[in-house]
Amino acid sequence: TDYLIWVAYWIGREDSCRTVSDDYAALLEQ
C-alpha cells in the first residue's frame, strides 16, 4: 500500500510537471 502511494505521488508529480512545462513552452512561443 505504501509503495502504491509512493509511486502514485511521483507519477502525479511528473505528469503535472510535464503539463506545466509544456504549457509554459507554448506560452513562450506565442
Full PDB file with SEQRES, HELIX, SHEET, SSBOND, CRYST1, ORIGX, SCALE, CONECT and MASTER records, all heavy atoms in Angstrom:
SEQRES   1 A   30  THR ASP TYR LEU ILE TRP VAL ALA TYR TRP ILE GLY ARG          
SEQRES   2 A   30  GLU ASP SER CYS ARG THR VAL SER ASP ASP TYR ALA ALA          
SEQRES   3 A   30  LEU LEU GLU GLN                                              
HELIX    1 AA1 ASP A    2  GLU A   29  1                                  28    
CRYST1    1.000    1.000    1.000  90.00  90.00  90.00 P 1           1          
ORIGX1      1.000000  0.000000  0.000000        0.00000                         
ORIGX2      0.000000  1.000000  0.000000        0.00000                         
ORIGX3      0.000000  0.000000  1.000000        0.00000                         
SCALE1      1.000000  0.000000  0.000000        0.00000                         
SCALE2      0.000000  1.000000  0.000000        0.00000                         
SCALE3      0.000000  0.000000  1.000000        0.00000                         
ATOM      1  N   THR A   1       0.830  -1.202   0.000  1.00  0.00           N  
ATOM      2  CA  THR A   1       0.000   0.000   0.000  1.00  0.00           C  
ATOM      3  C   THR A   1       0.865   1.252   0.000  1.00  0.00           C  
ATOM      4  O   THR A   1       0.608   2.191  -0.756  1.00  0.00           O  
ATOM      5  CB  THR A   1      -0.935   0.004   1.225  1.00  0.00           C  
ATOM      6  OG1 THR A   1      -1.683  -1.213   1.242  1.00  0.00           O  
ATOM      7  CG2 THR A   1      -1.877   1.186   1.182  1.00  0.00           C  
ATOM      8  N   ASP A   2       1.888   1.292   0.851  1.00  0.00           N  
ATOM      9  CA  ASP A   2       2.787   2.447   0.883  1.00  0.00           C  
ATOM     10  C   ASP A   2       3.529   2.607  -0.441  1.00  0.00           C  
ATOM     11  O   ASP A   2       3.726   3.720  -0.921  1.00  0.00           O  
ATOM     12  CB  ASP A   2       3.801   2.314   2.022  1.00  0.00           C  
ATOM     13  CG  ASP A   2       3.182   2.510   3.389  1.00  0.00           C  
ATOM     14  OD1 ASP A   2       1.982   2.868   3.451  1.00  0.00           O  
ATOM     15  OD2 ASP A   2       3.887   2.304   4.392  1.00  0.00           O  
ATOM     16  N   TYR A   3       3.917   1.491  -1.030  1.00  0.00           N  
ATOM     17  CA  TYR A   3       4.603   1.528  -2.315  1.00  0.00           C  
ATOM     18  C   TYR A   3       3.695   2.120  -3.393  1.00  0.00           C  
ATOM     19  O   TYR A   3       4.119   2.941  -4.204  1.00  0.00           O  
ATOM     20  CB  TYR A   3       5.055   0.120  -2.701  1.00  0.00           C  
ATOM     21  CG  TYR A   3       5.809   0.038  -3.999  1.00  0.00           C  
ATOM     22  CD1 TYR A   3       7.121   0.484  -4.080  1.00  0.00           C  
ATOM     23  CD2 TYR A   3       5.218  -0.477  -5.143  1.00  0.00           C  
ATOM     24  CE1 TYR A   3       7.828   0.404  -5.273  1.00  0.00           C  
ATOM     25  CE2 TYR A   3       5.908  -0.555  -6.322  1.00  0.00           C  
ATOM     26  CZ  TYR A   3       7.217  -0.108  -6.390  1.00  0.00           C  
ATOM     27  OH  TYR A   3       7.899  -0.175  -7.569  1.00  0.00           O  
ATOM     28  N   LEU A   4       2.420   1.721  -3.390  1.00  0.00           N  
ATOM     29  CA  LEU A   4       1.457   2.247  -4.347  1.00  0.00           C  
ATOM     30  C   LEU A   4       1.289   3.750  -4.159  1.00  0.00           C  
ATOM     31  O   LEU A   4       1.258   4.513  -5.137  1.00  0.00           O  
ATOM     32  CB  LEU A   4       0.108   1.537  -4.201  1.00  0.00           C  
ATOM     33  CG  LEU A   4      -1.021   2.035  -5.087  1.00  0.00           C  
ATOM     34  CD1 LEU A   4      -0.690   1.790  -6.551  1.00  0.00           C  
ATOM     35  CD2 LEU A   4      -2.324   1.356  -4.711  1.00  0.00           C  
ATOM     36  N   ILE A   5       1.207   4.206  -2.921  1.00  0.00           N  
ATOM     37  CA  ILE A   5       1.083   5.631  -2.634  1.00  0.00           C  
ATOM     38  C   ILE A   5       2.318   6.375  -3.120  1.00  0.00           C  
ATOM     39  O   ILE A   5       2.225   7.437  -3.736  1.00  0.00           O  
ATOM     40  CB  ILE A   5       0.849   5.878  -1.130  1.00  0.00           C  
ATOM     41  CG1 ILE A   5      -0.539   5.356  -0.731  1.00  0.00           C  
ATOM     42  CG2 ILE A   5       1.000   7.345  -0.777  1.00  0.00           C  
ATOM     43  CD1 ILE A   5      -0.761   5.284   0.760  1.00  0.00           C  
ATOM     44  N   TRP A   6       3.493   5.818  -2.862  1.00  0.00           N  
ATOM     45  CA  TRP A   6       4.747   6.455  -3.271  1.00  0.00           C  
ATOM     46  C   TRP A   6       4.829   6.590  -4.787  1.00  0.00           C  
ATOM     47  O   TRP A   6       5.155   7.656  -5.313  1.00  0.00           O  
ATOM     48  CB  TRP A   6       5.916   5.630  -2.734  1.00  0.00           C  
ATOM     49  CG  TRP A   6       7.264   6.197  -3.010  1.00  0.00           C  
ATOM     50  CD1 TRP A   6       7.892   7.180  -2.299  1.00  0.00           C  
ATOM     51  CD2 TRP A   6       8.155   5.836  -4.067  1.00  0.00           C  
ATOM     52  NE1 TRP A   6       9.120   7.443  -2.848  1.00  0.00           N  
ATOM     53  CE2 TRP A   6       9.303   6.635  -3.939  1.00  0.00           C  
ATOM     54  CE3 TRP A   6       8.095   4.917  -5.094  1.00  0.00           C  
ATOM     55  CZ2 TRP A   6      10.387   6.539  -4.811  1.00  0.00           C  
ATOM     56  CZ3 TRP A   6       9.169   4.817  -5.969  1.00  0.00           C  
ATOM     57  CH2 TRP A   6      10.300   5.624  -5.808  1.00  0.00           C  
ATOM     58  N   VAL A   7       4.522   5.521  -5.512  1.00  0.00           N  
ATOM     59  CA  VAL A   7       4.569   5.554  -6.979  1.00  0.00           C  
ATOM     60  C   VAL A   7       3.509   6.514  -7.522  1.00  0.00           C  
ATOM     61  O   VAL A   7       3.784   7.303  -8.432  1.00  0.00           O  
ATOM     62  CB  VAL A   7       4.392   4.134  -7.569  1.00  0.00           C  
ATOM     63  CG1 VAL A   7       4.196   4.188  -9.074  1.00  0.00           C  
ATOM     64  CG2 VAL A   7       5.593   3.266  -7.229  1.00  0.00           C  
ATOM     65  N   ALA A   8       2.301   6.481  -6.966  1.00  0.00           N  
ATOM     66  CA  ALA A   8       1.237   7.376  -7.428  1.00  0.00           C  
ATOM     67  C   ALA A   8       1.617   8.839  -7.212  1.00  0.00           C  
ATOM     68  O   ALA A   8       1.351   9.690  -8.073  1.00  0.00           O  
ATOM     69  CB  ALA A   8      -0.069   7.057  -6.704  1.00  0.00           C  
ATOM     70  N   TYR A   9       2.232   9.148  -6.084  1.00  0.00           N  
ATOM     71  CA  TYR A   9       2.674  10.520  -5.816  1.00  0.00           C  
ATOM     72  C   TYR A   9       3.651  10.991  -6.889  1.00  0.00           C  
ATOM     73  O   TYR A   9       3.507  12.071  -7.460  1.00  0.00           O  
ATOM     74  CB  TYR A   9       3.330  10.603  -4.433  1.00  0.00           C  
ATOM     75  CG  TYR A   9       4.046  11.910  -4.194  1.00  0.00           C  
ATOM     76  CD1 TYR A   9       3.347  13.028  -3.745  1.00  0.00           C  
ATOM     77  CD2 TYR A   9       5.412  12.029  -4.423  1.00  0.00           C  
ATOM     78  CE1 TYR A   9       4.002  14.232  -3.542  1.00  0.00           C  
ATOM     79  CE2 TYR A   9       6.072  13.232  -4.220  1.00  0.00           C  
ATOM     80  CZ  TYR A   9       5.365  14.317  -3.776  1.00  0.00           C  
ATOM     81  OH  TYR A   9       6.021  15.519  -3.581  1.00  0.00           O  
ATOM     82  N   TRP A  10       4.671  10.173  -7.163  1.00  0.00           N  
ATOM     83  CA  TRP A  10       5.697  10.583  -8.124  1.00  0.00           C  
ATOM     84  C   TRP A  10       5.183  10.634  -9.549  1.00  0.00           C  
ATOM     85  O   TRP A  10       5.560  11.509 -10.331  1.00  0.00           O  
ATOM     86  CB  TRP A  10       6.930   9.689  -8.006  1.00  0.00           C  
ATOM     87  CG  TRP A  10       7.746  10.097  -6.829  1.00  0.00           C  
ATOM     88  CD1 TRP A  10       7.823   9.463  -5.624  1.00  0.00           C  
ATOM     89  CD2 TRP A  10       8.564  11.267  -6.712  1.00  0.00           C  
ATOM     90  NE1 TRP A  10       8.639  10.156  -4.768  1.00  0.00           N  
ATOM     91  CE2 TRP A  10       9.110  11.272  -5.416  1.00  0.00           C  
ATOM     92  CE3 TRP A  10       8.882  12.307  -7.575  1.00  0.00           C  
ATOM     93  CZ2 TRP A  10       9.960  12.274  -4.965  1.00  0.00           C  
ATOM     94  CZ3 TRP A  10       9.728  13.305  -7.125  1.00  0.00           C  
ATOM     95  CH2 TRP A  10      10.260  13.282  -5.836  1.00  0.00           C  
ATOM     96  N   ILE A  11       4.312   9.713  -9.922  1.00  0.00           N  
ATOM     97  CA  ILE A  11       3.727   9.754 -11.262  1.00  0.00           C  
ATOM     98  C   ILE A  11       2.895  11.026 -11.418  1.00  0.00           C  
ATOM     99  O   ILE A  11       2.975  11.705 -12.437  1.00  0.00           O  
ATOM    100  CB  ILE A  11       2.895   8.487 -11.538  1.00  0.00           C  
ATOM    101  CG1 ILE A  11       3.821   7.289 -11.717  1.00  0.00           C  
ATOM    102  CG2 ILE A  11       2.015   8.666 -12.779  1.00  0.00           C  
ATOM    103  CD1 ILE A  11       3.098   5.961 -11.839  1.00  0.00           C  
ATOM    104  N   GLY A  12       2.115  11.356 -10.409  1.00  0.00           N  
ATOM    105  CA  GLY A  12       1.328  12.595 -10.451  1.00  0.00           C  
ATOM    106  C   GLY A  12       2.205  13.830 -10.519  1.00  0.00           C  
ATOM    107  O   GLY A  12       1.929  14.772 -11.268  1.00  0.00           O  
ATOM    108  N   ARG A  13       3.270  13.835  -9.752  1.00  0.00           N  
ATOM    109  CA  ARG A  13       4.185  14.973  -9.762  1.00  0.00           C  
ATOM    110  C   ARG A  13       4.854  15.136 -11.133  1.00  0.00           C  
ATOM    111  O   ARG A  13       4.965  16.235 -11.656  1.00  0.00           O  
ATOM    112  CB  ARG A  13       5.237  14.784  -8.670  1.00  0.00           C  
ATOM    113  CG  ARG A  13       6.226  15.902  -8.577  1.00  0.00           C  
ATOM    114  CD  ARG A  13       7.166  15.690  -7.418  1.00  0.00           C  
ATOM    115  NE  ARG A  13       8.295  16.591  -7.534  1.00  0.00           N  
ATOM    116  CZ  ARG A  13       8.936  17.101  -6.518  1.00  0.00           C  
ATOM    117  NH1 ARG A  13       8.571  16.788  -5.296  1.00  0.00           N  
ATOM    118  NH2 ARG A  13       9.947  17.911  -6.700  1.00  0.00           N  
ATOM    119  N   GLU A  14       5.282  14.019 -11.702  1.00  0.00           N  
ATOM    120  CA  GLU A  14       5.942  14.083 -13.015  1.00  0.00           C  
ATOM    121  C   GLU A  14       4.966  14.485 -14.114  1.00  0.00           C  
ATOM    122  O   GLU A  14       5.318  15.274 -14.996  1.00  0.00           O  
ATOM    123  CB  GLU A  14       6.586  12.737 -13.335  1.00  0.00           C  
ATOM    124  CG  GLU A  14       7.780  12.439 -12.470  1.00  0.00           C  
ATOM    125  CD  GLU A  14       8.325  11.041 -12.639  1.00  0.00           C  
ATOM    126  OE1 GLU A  14       7.642  10.171 -13.197  1.00  0.00           O  
ATOM    127  OE2 GLU A  14       9.465  10.823 -12.191  1.00  0.00           O  
ATOM    128  N   ASP A  15       3.753  13.975 -14.064  1.00  0.00           N  
ATOM    129  CA  ASP A  15       2.749  14.358 -15.061  1.00  0.00           C  
ATOM    130  C   ASP A  15       2.413  15.834 -14.978  1.00  0.00           C  
ATOM    131  O   ASP A  15       2.309  16.515 -16.004  1.00  0.00           O  
ATOM    132  CB  ASP A  15       1.477  13.530 -14.899  1.00  0.00           C  
ATOM    133  CG  ASP A  15       1.634  12.098 -15.364  1.00  0.00           C  
ATOM    134  OD1 ASP A  15       2.643  11.797 -16.043  1.00  0.00           O  
ATOM    135  OD2 ASP A  15       0.750  11.279 -15.047  1.00  0.00           O  
ATOM    136  N   SER A  16       2.243  16.345 -13.762  1.00  0.00           N  
ATOM    137  CA  SER A  16       1.921  17.772 -13.619  1.00  0.00           C  
ATOM    138  C   SER A  16       3.097  18.641 -14.043  1.00  0.00           C  
ATOM    139  O   SER A  16       2.908  19.696 -14.661  1.00  0.00           O  
ATOM    140  CB  SER A  16       1.492  18.095 -12.192  1.00  0.00           C  
ATOM    141  OG  SER A  16       2.537  17.840 -11.282  1.00  0.00           O  
ATOM    142  N   CYS A  17       4.305  18.207 -13.756  1.00  0.00           N  
ATOM    143  CA  CYS A  17       5.497  18.954 -14.177  1.00  0.00           C  
ATOM    144  C   CYS A  17       5.561  19.029 -15.695  1.00  0.00           C  
ATOM    145  O   CYS A  17       5.828  20.092 -16.272  1.00  0.00           O  
ATOM    146  CB  CYS A  17       6.758  18.301 -13.630  1.00  0.00           C  
ATOM    147  SG  CYS A  17       8.275  19.085 -14.180  1.00  0.00           S  
ATOM    148  N   ARG A  18       5.312  17.908 -16.350  1.00  0.00           N  
ATOM    149  CA  ARG A  18       5.344  17.867 -17.817  1.00  0.00           C  
ATOM    150  C   ARG A  18       4.257  18.778 -18.396  1.00  0.00           C  
ATOM    151  O   ARG A  18       4.481  19.517 -19.345  1.00  0.00           O  
ATOM    152  CB  ARG A  18       5.165  16.440 -18.311  1.00  0.00           C  
ATOM    153  CG  ARG A  18       5.323  16.285 -19.804  1.00  0.00           C  
ATOM    154  CD  ARG A  18       5.388  14.815 -20.175  1.00  0.00           C  
ATOM    155  NE  ARG A  18       6.706  14.282 -19.925  1.00  0.00           N  
ATOM    156  CZ  ARG A  18       7.670  14.236 -20.847  1.00  0.00           C  
ATOM    157  NH1 ARG A  18       7.444  14.698 -22.038  1.00  0.00           N  
ATOM    158  NH2 ARG A  18       8.842  13.726 -20.557  1.00  0.00           N  
ATOM    159  N   THR A  19       3.066  18.757 -17.818  1.00  0.00           N  
ATOM    160  CA  THR A  19       1.964  19.593 -18.295  1.00  0.00           C  
ATOM    161  C   THR A  19       2.287  21.073 -18.148  1.00  0.00           C  
ATOM    162  O   THR A  19       2.119  21.855 -19.091  1.00  0.00           O  
ATOM    163  CB  THR A  19       0.671  19.263 -17.525  1.00  0.00           C  
ATOM    164  OG1 THR A  19       0.357  17.883 -17.720  1.00  0.00           O  
ATOM    165  CG2 THR A  19      -0.482  20.114 -17.988  1.00  0.00           C  
ATOM    166  N   VAL A  20       2.776  21.462 -16.971  1.00  0.00           N  
ATOM    167  CA  VAL A  20       3.108  22.862 -16.736  1.00  0.00           C  
ATOM    168  C   VAL A  20       4.239  23.316 -17.650  1.00  0.00           C  
ATOM    169  O   VAL A  20       4.184  24.402 -18.249  1.00  0.00           O  
ATOM    170  CB  VAL A  20       3.477  23.102 -15.250  1.00  0.00           C  
ATOM    171  CG1 VAL A  20       4.088  24.479 -15.046  1.00  0.00           C  
ATOM    172  CG2 VAL A  20       2.257  22.932 -14.364  1.00  0.00           C  
ATOM    173  N   SER A  21       5.260  22.492 -17.802  1.00  0.00           N  
ATOM    174  CA  SER A  21       6.398  22.852 -18.655  1.00  0.00           C  
ATOM    175  C   SER A  21       5.979  22.995 -20.114  1.00  0.00           C  
ATOM    176  O   SER A  21       6.403  23.922 -20.800  1.00  0.00           O  
ATOM    177  CB  SER A  21       7.517  21.820 -18.530  1.00  0.00           C  
ATOM    178  OG  SER A  21       8.059  21.832 -17.238  1.00  0.00           O  
ATOM    179  N   ASP A  22       5.145  22.085 -20.593  1.00  0.00           N  
ATOM    180  CA  ASP A  22       4.674  22.154 -21.978  1.00  0.00           C  
ATOM    181  C   ASP A  22       3.794  23.385 -22.205  1.00  0.00           C  
ATOM    182  O   ASP A  22       3.911  24.065 -23.233  1.00  0.00           O  
ATOM    183  CB  ASP A  22       3.925  20.888 -22.367  1.00  0.00           C  
ATOM    184  CG  ASP A  22       4.840  19.672 -22.485  1.00  0.00           C  
ATOM    185  OD1 ASP A  22       6.084  19.855 -22.550  1.00  0.00           O  
ATOM    186  OD2 ASP A  22       4.313  18.543 -22.498  1.00  0.00           O  
ATOM    187  N   ASP A  23       2.907  23.671 -21.250  1.00  0.00           N  
ATOM    188  CA  ASP A  23       2.063  24.864 -21.364  1.00  0.00           C  
ATOM    189  C   ASP A  23       2.898  26.136 -21.350  1.00  0.00           C  
ATOM    190  O   ASP A  23       2.641  27.086 -22.088  1.00  0.00           O  
ATOM    191  CB  ASP A  23       1.028  24.915 -20.236  1.00  0.00           C  
ATOM    192  CG  ASP A  23      -0.045  23.840 -20.383  1.00  0.00           C  
ATOM    193  OD1 ASP A  23      -0.125  23.209 -21.460  1.00  0.00           O  
ATOM    194  OD2 ASP A  23      -0.794  23.634 -19.409  1.00  0.00           O  
ATOM    195  N   TYR A  24       3.910  26.174 -20.503  1.00  0.00           N  
ATOM    196  CA  TYR A  24       4.789  27.337 -20.420  1.00  0.00           C  
ATOM    197  C   TYR A  24       5.591  27.512 -21.710  1.00  0.00           C  
ATOM    198  O   TYR A  24       5.745  28.628 -22.202  1.00  0.00           O  
ATOM    199  CB  TYR A  24       5.729  27.196 -19.221  1.00  0.00           C  
ATOM    200  CG  TYR A  24       6.580  28.414 -18.972  1.00  0.00           C  
ATOM    201  CD1 TYR A  24       6.018  29.601 -18.521  1.00  0.00           C  
ATOM    202  CD2 TYR A  24       7.954  28.375 -19.178  1.00  0.00           C  
ATOM    203  CE1 TYR A  24       6.800  30.718 -18.294  1.00  0.00           C  
ATOM    204  CE2 TYR A  24       8.739  29.492 -18.951  1.00  0.00           C  
ATOM    205  CZ  TYR A  24       8.155  30.657 -18.507  1.00  0.00           C  
ATOM    206  OH  TYR A  24       8.934  31.764 -18.282  1.00  0.00           O  
ATOM    207  N   ALA A  25       6.063  26.419 -22.286  1.00  0.00           N  
ATOM    208  CA  ALA A  25       6.797  26.496 -23.558  1.00  0.00           C  
ATOM    209  C   ALA A  25       5.900  27.024 -24.668  1.00  0.00           C  
ATOM    210  O   ALA A  25       6.332  27.831 -25.496  1.00  0.00           O  
ATOM    211  CB  ALA A  25       7.360  25.127 -23.928  1.00  0.00           C  
ATOM    212  N   ALA A  26       4.628  26.599 -24.689  1.00  0.00           N  
ATOM    213  CA  ALA A  26       3.682  27.099 -25.692  1.00  0.00           C  
ATOM    214  C   ALA A  26       3.427  28.589 -25.492  1.00  0.00           C  
ATOM    215  O   ALA A  26       3.351  29.357 -26.464  1.00  0.00           O  
ATOM    216  CB  ALA A  26       2.377  26.316 -25.609  1.00  0.00           C  
ATOM    217  N   LEU A  27       3.325  29.028 -24.241  1.00  0.00           N  
ATOM    218  CA  LEU A  27       3.136  30.449 -23.943  1.00  0.00           C  
ATOM    219  C   LEU A  27       4.342  31.269 -24.400  1.00  0.00           C  
ATOM    220  O   LEU A  27       4.187  32.331 -25.020  1.00  0.00           O  
ATOM    221  CB  LEU A  27       2.903  30.645 -22.448  1.00  0.00           C  
ATOM    222  CG  LEU A  27       2.758  32.085 -21.958  1.00  0.00           C  
ATOM    223  CD1 LEU A  27       1.481  32.697 -22.501  1.00  0.00           C  
ATOM    224  CD2 LEU A  27       2.783  32.124 -20.445  1.00  0.00           C  
ATOM    225  N   LEU A  28       5.533  30.781 -24.131  1.00  0.00           N  
ATOM    226  CA  LEU A  28       6.738  31.486 -24.571  1.00  0.00           C  
ATOM    227  C   LEU A  28       6.804  31.567 -26.095  1.00  0.00           C  
ATOM    228  O   LEU A  28       7.227  32.590 -26.649  1.00  0.00           O  
ATOM    229  CB  LEU A  28       7.987  30.795 -24.024  1.00  0.00           C  
ATOM    230  CG  LEU A  28       8.258  30.950 -22.540  1.00  0.00           C  
ATOM    231  CD1 LEU A  28       9.471  30.116 -22.146  1.00  0.00           C  
ATOM    232  CD2 LEU A  28       8.467  32.396 -22.160  1.00  0.00           C  
ATOM    233  N   GLU A  29       6.398  30.511 -26.762  1.00  0.00           N  
ATOM    234  CA  GLU A  29       6.393  30.507 -28.229  1.00  0.00           C  
ATOM    235  C   GLU A  29       5.434  31.566 -28.770  1.00  0.00           C  
ATOM    236  O   GLU A  29       5.757  32.285 -29.717  1.00  0.00           O  
ATOM    237  CB  GLU A  29       6.013  29.117 -28.745  1.00  0.00           C  
ATOM    238  CG  GLU A  29       6.026  28.990 -30.246  1.00  0.00           C  
ATOM    239  CD  GLU A  29       7.412  29.137 -30.857  1.00  0.00           C  
ATOM    240  OE1 GLU A  29       8.399  28.798 -30.198  1.00  0.00           O  
ATOM    241  OE2 GLU A  29       7.485  29.597 -32.013  1.00  0.00           O  
ATOM    242  N   GLN A  30       4.251  31.680 -28.167  1.00  0.00           N  
ATOM    243  CA  GLN A  30       3.287  32.706 -28.578  1.00  0.00           C  
ATOM    244  C   GLN A  30       3.838  34.101 -28.345  1.00  0.00           C  
ATOM    245  O   GLN A  30       3.686  34.990 -29.190  1.00  0.00           O  
ATOM    246  CB  GLN A  30       1.972  32.529 -27.827  1.00  0.00           C  
ATOM    247  CG  GLN A  30       1.213  31.288 -28.186  1.00  0.00           C  
ATOM    248  CD  GLN A  30       0.045  31.047 -27.251  1.00  0.00           C  
ATOM    249  OE1 GLN A  30      -0.204  31.820 -26.332  1.00  0.00           O  
ATOM    250  NE2 GLN A  30      -0.671  29.952 -27.484  1.00  0.00           N  
TER     251      GLN A  30                                                      
MASTER        0    0    0    1    0    0    0    6  250    1    0    3          
END                                                                             
